[in-house]
Amino acid sequence: MKIPQPWRRGQNGSWYVTLKGKQHNLGRDEARAKELYAQLLAGHRAAVGPEEHVRRLLDLYWDWCKTNLAETTCEVRTRHLKSFWKFIEPGLTISRLKPLHVQRWIDEKYPKAGNTYKNVLITTIKGAMAWAKGLGYIENDPIAAMKKPRCEVRQEFIALPDWPKVLGAVNHRRGKDFLVTMLSSGMRVQEIRKAEAQHLQGDRLIFDIRDSKGKRSSRVVYLPSDALEIVTRLCREFPDGPIFRTAKGVPWNKSSINCLMRRIKRKLRIPRLAATSLRHSFAHARLVAGQDSAVVATLLGHVDGRMLATRYGHLSANPAFLSAEANRLMMPLAWGPKAEQTARTDIDQHPTA
């Protein structure tokens, strides 16, 4: 999935680029060669039709993602796009692309994927086709009718009384710093990984819009006192670069975080526990404590409460809490034998009421 790049031939000092198997001489002047390259590439990109290869369309979409999407979002999509790009046959054209190609890719490359992950995989490929149609690269989306499985409601969380057990499963301070901050602030994993001293402003971490998920607004993480103490200490310790680091002093990455969570899973025997479960635990604890859902959604960094209502199953996973909440606010409609007799007497005394 590489965009063709110009190269210089040492024998004659000229610059060349190969597009669709054809070699173009761009001349010896580097600045002029770059201008010609840009013109050729623009024409190369525009010439997309139903008989163009799917791989090339994915290349164009991937190039757009790198420029227009948040780094973390682009990272995930790139991984899936590359996997699909390698899976399909090189000569597969857009006119021959069918939903079955996407389904076979998922079945063979991700046989253990759940419905939520399958939804993400299909969304990535459908997104590329929808993007191409929206820009006019293609007239018809060949997989527009493909159905996606419904995302599973996320119900994995750690109840508040069990939080000390989670911390007790880790014996080094760096791991505890990571866990306490996630549980008490509801930060996203990628926010923990990219947090630096420059982001700390008073009692909160503020990520520039370019570093925020979705790139729509700056992300503000409000730090409770325990998380603020940790972040302040780490900012002093690591004034440059990521502040959250492992026991070895290197920034947390996907592998080291997974290793930490596997250790906790084994000790606590929670098979589906993941780093995102800490964020869900934050939401569950606050909702059960009676905090307004709109406030919880804001603390999580959501634009509104829809994500909390549709993708988090914390309350539905706690029917006892819901039963208690149903009775917490009693409306003036008490009914029973005495209330019924009182109502009948009142009607008899005031028949025209």
Protein backbone atom coordinates (compact mmCIF):
# COMPACT_ATOMS: atom_id res chain seq x y z
CA MET A 1 0.00 0.00 0.00
CA LYS A 2 2.64 2.51 -1.06
CA ILE A 3 2.12 5.64 -3.09
CA PRO A 4 4.65 5.62 -5.98
CA GLN A 5 7.61 7.89 -5.18
CA PRO A 6 10.08 9.51 -7.60
CA TRP A 7 13.65 8.22 -7.71
CA ARG A 8 16.88 9.45 -9.26
CA ARG A 9 18.89 7.44 -11.79
CA GLY A 10 22.58 7.90 -11.20
CA GLN A 11 23.61 7.19 -14.81
CA ASN A 12 22.02 10.30 -16.29
CA GLY A 13 21.00 12.26 -13.17
CA SER A 14 17.33 12.31 -14.15
CA TRP A 15 14.34 11.73 -11.87
CA TYR A 16 11.74 9.06 -12.66
CA VAL A 17 8.48 7.73 -11.29
CA THR A 18 6.61 4.57 -12.23
CA LEU A 19 2.81 4.83 -12.38
CA LYS A 20 0.64 1.87 -13.38
CA GLY A 21 3.69 0.11 -14.79
CA LYS A 22 4.75 3.06 -16.95
CA GLN A 23 8.03 4.87 -16.24
CA HIS A 24 7.95 8.68 -16.53
CA ASN A 25 11.09 10.82 -16.97
CA LEU A 26 10.77 13.93 -14.77
CA GLY A 27 14.01 15.59 -15.87
CA ARG A 28 17.19 16.47 -13.98
CA ASP A 29 15.99 19.50 -12.05
CA GLU A 30 14.72 18.23 -8.68
CA ALA A 31 12.27 21.11 -8.04
CA ARG A 32 10.75 20.77 -11.49
CA ALA A 33 10.66 17.00 -11.12
CA LYS A 34 8.60 17.38 -7.95
CA GLU A 35 6.11 19.63 -9.75
CA LEU A 36 5.72 17.15 -12.62
CA TYR A 37 5.41 14.31 -10.13
CA ALA A 38 2.56 16.10 -8.32
CA GLN A 39 0.75 16.68 -11.63
CA LEU A 40 1.18 13.08 -12.73
CA LEU A 41 0.09 11.75 -9.35
CA ALA A 42 -3.03 13.93 -9.41
CA GLY A 43 -3.98 12.53 -12.79
CA HIS A 44 -3.08 9.04 -11.63
CA ARG A 45 -5.40 9.36 -8.65
CA ALA A 46 -8.28 10.80 -10.64
CA ALA A 47 -8.29 8.01 -13.19
CA VAL A 48 -10.29 5.53 -11.11
CA GLY A 49 -13.02 3.51 -12.77
CA PRO A 50 -14.91 0.24 -12.26
CA GLU A 51 -12.08 -1.73 -13.87
CA GLU A 52 -9.43 -0.17 -11.63
CA HIS A 53 -7.85 -2.46 -9.05
CA VAL A 54 -9.29 -2.43 -5.54
CA ARG A 55 -5.76 -2.29 -4.16
CA ARG A 56 -5.17 1.08 -5.76
CA LEU A 57 -8.38 2.51 -4.34
CA LEU A 58 -7.29 1.33 -0.89
CA ASP A 59 -3.95 3.07 -1.45
CA LEU A 60 -5.75 6.36 -2.14
CA TYR A 61 -7.97 6.00 0.91
CA TRP A 62 -5.02 5.10 3.12
CA ASP A 63 -3.17 8.19 1.93
CA TRP A 64 -6.22 10.32 2.80
CA CYS A 65 -6.53 8.74 6.25
CA LYS A 66 -2.95 9.66 7.14
CA THR A 67 -3.67 13.32 6.46
CA ASN A 68 -7.19 13.71 7.80
CA LEU A 69 -7.69 11.31 10.71
CA ALA A 70 -6.35 11.23 14.26
CA GLU A 71 -3.17 9.19 14.65
CA THR A 72 -4.78 6.46 16.75
CA THR A 73 -7.77 6.15 14.40
CA CYS A 74 -5.49 6.01 11.38
CA GLU A 75 -3.31 3.38 13.08
CA VAL A 76 -6.25 1.01 13.52
CA ARG A 77 -7.63 1.55 10.02
CA THR A 78 -4.19 1.15 8.46
CA ARG A 79 -3.77 -2.23 10.12
CA HIS A 80 -7.09 -3.46 8.74
CA LEU A 81 -6.62 -1.92 5.30
CA LYS A 82 -3.19 -3.54 4.91
CA SER A 83 -4.60 -6.90 5.95
CA PHE A 84 -7.41 -6.72 3.37
CA TRP A 85 -5.02 -5.32 0.74
CA LYS A 86 -2.76 -8.36 1.13
CA PHE A 87 -5.66 -10.83 1.25
CA ILE A 88 -7.38 -9.93 -2.01
CA GLU A 89 -5.91 -10.99 -5.35
CA PRO A 90 -3.79 -8.26 -7.00
CA GLY A 91 -5.97 -8.13 -10.11
CA LEU A 92 -9.33 -7.80 -8.31
CA THR A 93 -11.17 -4.88 -9.88
CA ILE A 94 -13.75 -2.64 -8.27
CA SER A 95 -16.49 -4.00 -10.55
CA ARG A 96 -15.78 -7.56 -9.34
CA LEU A 97 -15.58 -6.70 -5.63
CA LYS A 98 -18.41 -8.29 -3.65
CA PRO A 99 -19.34 -8.61 0.03
CA LEU A 100 -18.16 -12.21 -0.08
CA HIS A 101 -14.56 -11.01 -0.52
CA VAL A 102 -14.84 -9.07 2.74
CA GLN A 103 -16.55 -11.97 4.50
CA ARG A 104 -13.90 -14.47 3.37
CA TRP A 105 -11.18 -12.11 4.59
CA ILE A 106 -12.78 -11.93 8.03
CA ASP A 107 -13.42 -15.69 8.22
CA GLU A 108 -9.84 -16.60 7.27
CA LYS A 109 -7.83 -13.84 8.93
CA TYR A 110 -9.96 -13.23 12.04
CA PRO A 111 -11.69 -16.55 12.79
CA LYS A 112 -12.05 -15.79 16.51
CA ALA A 113 -13.35 -12.24 16.09
CA GLY A 114 -16.51 -11.35 17.99
CA ASN A 115 -19.40 -9.37 16.54
CA THR A 116 -17.99 -6.04 17.70
CA TYR A 117 -14.63 -6.61 16.00
CA LYS A 118 -16.32 -7.94 12.86
CA ASN A 119 -18.38 -4.76 12.80
CA VAL A 120 -15.18 -2.70 12.95
CA LEU A 121 -13.54 -4.70 10.15
CA ILE A 122 -16.52 -4.38 7.81
CA THR A 123 -16.91 -0.70 8.69
CA THR A 124 -13.30 -0.05 7.67
CA ILE A 125 -13.70 -1.53 4.17
CA LYS A 126 -17.17 -0.08 3.66
CA GLY A 127 -15.80 3.27 4.78
CA ALA A 128 -13.13 3.15 2.08
CA MET A 129 -15.73 2.45 -0.61
CA ALA A 130 -18.13 5.10 0.70
CA TRP A 131 -15.26 7.62 0.76
CA ALA A 132 -14.41 6.79 -2.86
CA LYS A 133 -18.02 7.22 -3.96
CA GLY A 134 -18.41 10.46 -2.03
CA LEU A 135 -15.39 11.98 -3.80
CA GLY A 136 -16.47 10.73 -7.19
CA TYR A 137 -13.75 8.13 -7.68
CA ILE A 138 -16.44 5.49 -8.27
CA GLU A 139 -20.10 5.76 -9.24
CA ASN A 140 -21.39 2.65 -7.48
CA ASP A 141 -20.37 1.21 -4.13
CA PRO A 142 -20.05 -2.57 -4.71
CA ILE A 143 -20.43 -3.50 -1.01
CA ALA A 144 -22.94 -0.87 0.13
CA ALA A 145 -25.56 -3.55 0.84
CA MET A 146 -23.29 -5.65 3.07
CA LYS A 147 -24.77 -6.10 6.54
CA LYS A 148 -22.76 -5.64 9.72
CA PRO A 149 -23.28 -7.64 12.92
CA ARG A 150 -24.57 -5.66 15.87
CA CYS A 151 -21.89 -4.50 18.26
CA GLU A 152 -21.85 -6.30 21.58
CA VAL A 153 -22.72 -4.22 24.62
CA ARG A 154 -19.66 -3.75 26.79
CA GLN A 155 -20.35 -5.16 30.22
CA GLU A 156 -16.88 -5.99 31.50
CA PHE A 157 -16.13 -3.83 34.52
CA ILE A 158 -14.69 -4.09 38.00
CA ALA A 159 -17.09 -3.29 40.83
CA LEU A 160 -15.89 -0.53 43.14
CA PRO A 161 -15.33 -2.85 46.17
CA ASP A 162 -12.93 -4.93 44.05
CA TRP A 163 -10.70 -2.04 42.98
CA PRO A 164 -8.21 -2.68 45.83
CA LYS A 165 -7.87 -6.27 44.59
CA VAL A 166 -6.85 -5.00 41.16
CA LEU A 167 -4.17 -2.77 42.67
CA GLY A 168 -3.02 -5.63 44.90
CA ALA A 169 -2.45 -7.81 41.83
CA VAL A 170 0.41 -5.52 40.74
CA ASN A 171 3.58 -5.24 42.80
CA HIS A 172 5.38 -2.32 41.14
CA ARG A 173 4.59 1.38 41.47
CA ARG A 174 4.53 2.12 37.75
CA GLY A 175 1.75 -0.40 37.23
CA LYS A 176 -0.21 1.01 40.15
CA ASP A 177 0.20 4.54 38.75
CA PHE A 178 -1.32 3.32 35.49
CA LEU A 179 -4.23 1.52 37.18
CA VAL A 180 -5.13 4.24 39.67
CA THR A 181 -5.15 6.95 37.01
CA MET A 182 -7.31 4.87 34.64
CA LEU A 183 -9.81 3.90 37.35
CA SER A 184 -10.14 7.32 38.93
CA SER A 185 -10.11 9.53 35.81
CA GLY A 186 -11.67 7.35 33.08
CA MET A 187 -8.88 8.18 30.62
CA ARG A 188 -8.63 6.30 27.36
CA VAL A 189 -5.68 3.95 26.97
CA GLN A 190 -4.24 6.03 24.12
CA GLU A 191 -4.50 9.15 26.30
CA ILE A 192 -2.50 7.46 29.04
CA ARG A 193 0.15 6.52 26.48
CA LYS A 194 0.50 10.01 24.99
CA ALA A 195 0.17 12.10 28.18
CA GLU A 196 3.15 14.43 28.69
CA ALA A 197 4.07 17.15 31.17
CA GLN A 198 3.08 19.81 28.64
CA HIS A 199 -0.53 18.57 28.81
CA LEU A 200 -0.93 19.25 32.54
CA GLN A 201 -2.72 22.52 33.23
CA GLY A 202 -3.74 22.95 36.84
CA ASP A 203 -5.84 19.97 37.88
CA ARG A 204 -6.48 18.64 34.40
CA LEU A 205 -4.79 17.24 31.32
CA ILE A 206 -5.64 19.07 28.12
CA PHE A 207 -4.88 17.46 24.77
CA ASP A 208 -4.80 19.69 21.70
CA ILE A 209 -7.50 19.06 19.12
CA ARG A 210 -4.88 17.41 16.88
CA ASP A 211 -4.18 14.85 19.61
CA SER A 212 -7.82 14.28 20.52
CA LYS A 213 -9.98 11.41 19.32
CA GLY A 214 -11.96 12.52 16.28
CA LYS A 215 -10.06 15.83 16.03
CA ARG A 216 -13.26 17.76 16.79
CA SER A 217 -12.36 19.51 20.03
CA SER A 218 -9.66 19.55 22.68
CA ARG A 219 -9.89 16.64 25.11
CA VAL A 220 -9.94 17.65 28.77
CA VAL A 221 -9.24 14.98 31.39
CA TYR A 222 -10.33 16.10 34.86
CA LEU A 223 -8.04 14.59 37.48
CA PRO A 224 -9.36 13.64 40.94
CA SER A 225 -6.89 14.24 43.78
CA ASP A 226 -5.34 10.75 43.73
CA ALA A 227 -4.77 10.85 39.95
CA LEU A 228 -3.56 14.46 40.14
CA GLU A 229 -0.92 13.50 42.71
CA ILE A 230 0.36 10.74 40.42
CA VAL A 231 0.38 12.89 37.28
CA THR A 232 2.11 15.79 39.05
CA ARG A 233 4.81 13.48 40.40
CA LEU A 234 5.37 11.87 36.99
CA CYS A 235 5.57 15.28 35.27
CA ARG A 236 8.41 16.23 37.61
CA GLU A 237 10.11 12.92 36.99
CA PHE A 238 9.68 12.95 33.21
CA PRO A 239 9.54 16.57 31.97
CA ASP A 240 10.02 15.37 28.38
CA GLY A 241 8.16 12.62 26.58
CA PRO A 242 5.38 10.34 27.87
CA ILE A 243 5.04 10.45 31.66
CA PHE A 244 3.42 7.03 32.20
CA ARG A 245 6.15 4.41 32.00
CA THR A 246 6.76 0.78 32.89
CA ALA A 247 8.98 -0.51 35.67
CA LYS A 248 11.79 -0.50 33.10
CA GLY A 249 11.35 3.22 32.52
CA VAL A 250 10.04 2.97 28.96
CA PRO A 251 6.65 4.37 27.84
CA TRP A 252 3.73 1.98 27.98
CA ASN A 253 2.83 0.40 24.65
CA LYS A 254 0.17 -2.04 23.54
CA SER A 255 2.26 -5.11 24.40
CA SER A 256 3.29 -3.97 27.89
CA ILE A 257 -0.28 -2.94 28.75
CA ASN A 258 -1.63 -6.31 27.58
CA CYS A 259 1.02 -8.04 29.67
CA LEU A 260 -0.05 -6.06 32.74
CA MET A 261 -3.71 -6.91 32.21
CA ARG A 262 -2.98 -10.61 31.64
CA ARG A 263 -1.26 -10.73 35.01
CA ILE A 264 -4.31 -9.18 36.68
CA LYS A 265 -6.69 -11.49 34.81
CA ARG A 266 -4.87 -14.57 36.04
CA LYS A 267 -4.83 -13.44 39.66
CA LEU A 268 -8.43 -12.23 39.76
CA ARG A 269 -9.79 -14.86 37.35
CA ILE A 270 -11.61 -12.35 35.15
CA PRO A 271 -11.15 -13.86 31.65
CA ARG A 272 -12.32 -10.90 29.53
CA LEU A 273 -10.66 -8.14 31.50
CA ALA A 274 -8.84 -5.57 29.34
CA ALA A 275 -7.39 -2.11 29.80
CA THR A 276 -10.61 -0.55 28.51
CA SER A 277 -12.44 -2.35 31.33
CA LEU A 278 -10.81 0.13 33.71
CA ARG A 279 -12.49 2.98 31.87
CA HIS A 280 -15.80 1.10 31.97
CA SER A 281 -15.31 0.56 35.70
CA PHE A 282 -14.93 4.31 36.15
CA ALA A 283 -18.25 4.87 34.36
CA HIS A 284 -20.05 2.09 36.25
CA ALA A 285 -18.91 3.30 39.68
CA ARG A 286 -20.09 6.84 39.03
CA LEU A 287 -23.42 5.87 37.50
CA VAL A 288 -24.22 3.49 40.35
CA ALA A 289 -23.29 6.21 42.84
CA GLY A 290 -25.97 8.39 41.25
CA GLN A 291 -23.87 10.78 39.20
CA ASP A 292 -25.76 12.26 36.28
CA SER A 293 -25.12 10.35 33.04
CA ALA A 294 -24.47 13.58 31.13
CA VAL A 295 -21.72 14.45 33.61
CA VAL A 296 -20.21 10.97 33.34
CA ALA A 297 -20.29 11.20 29.53
CA THR A 298 -18.45 14.54 29.68
CA LEU A 299 -15.81 13.16 32.04
CA LEU A 300 -15.29 10.25 29.63
CA GLY A 301 -14.75 12.70 26.78
CA HIS A 302 -17.91 11.84 24.84
CA VAL A 303 -19.69 14.53 22.83
CA ASP A 304 -23.04 13.47 24.33
CA GLY A 305 -24.62 10.59 26.23
CA ARG A 306 -25.44 8.39 23.26
CA MET A 307 -22.27 6.33 23.47
CA LEU A 308 -22.82 5.76 27.17
CA ALA A 309 -26.40 4.64 26.57
CA THR A 310 -25.82 2.40 23.54
CA ARG A 311 -22.37 0.90 23.97
CA TYR A 312 -21.88 0.58 27.73
CA GLY A 313 -23.94 -2.06 29.52
CA HIS A 314 -22.92 -1.19 33.07
CA LEU A 315 -26.39 -0.50 34.42
CA SER A 316 -28.12 -3.39 32.67
CA ALA A 317 -25.45 -5.63 34.19
CA ASN A 318 -26.59 -4.58 37.68
CA PRO A 319 -30.33 -5.35 38.02
CA ALA A 320 -30.20 -5.00 41.81
CA PHE A 321 -29.09 -1.39 41.41
CA LEU A 322 -31.89 -0.71 38.91
CA SER A 323 -34.48 -2.24 41.26
CA ALA A 324 -33.29 0.00 44.06
CA GLU A 325 -33.34 3.03 41.78
CA ALA A 326 -36.90 2.23 40.69
CA ASN A 327 -37.98 2.57 44.32
CA ARG A 328 -35.72 5.44 45.34
CA LEU A 329 -38.04 8.18 44.07
CA MET A 330 -41.64 7.29 44.99
CA MET A 331 -44.38 9.03 43.04
CA PRO A 332 -47.67 9.95 44.84
CA LEU A 333 -49.57 6.96 43.46
CA ALA A 334 -49.56 4.56 46.41
CA TRP A 335 -52.21 1.90 45.82
CA GLY A 336 -53.59 -0.92 47.93
CA PRO A 337 -56.76 -2.03 49.76
CA LYS A 338 -56.81 1.03 52.03
CA ALA A 339 -56.05 3.43 49.19
CA GLU A 340 -58.72 1.80 47.04
CA GLN A 341 -61.35 2.09 49.81
CA THR A 342 -60.40 5.75 50.35
CA ALA A 343 -60.83 6.44 46.65
CA ARG A 344 -64.25 4.76 46.54
CA THR A 345 -65.47 6.70 49.58
CA ASP A 346 -64.27 9.92 47.98
CA ILE A 347 -66.19 9.11 44.79
CA ASP A 348 -69.36 8.29 46.74
CA GLN A 349 -69.14 11.58 48.61
CA HIS A 350 -68.40 13.60 45.47
CA PRO A 351 -70.24 11.81 42.62
CA THR A 352 -69.97 14.74 40.23
CA ALA A 353 -66.25 15.33 40.79
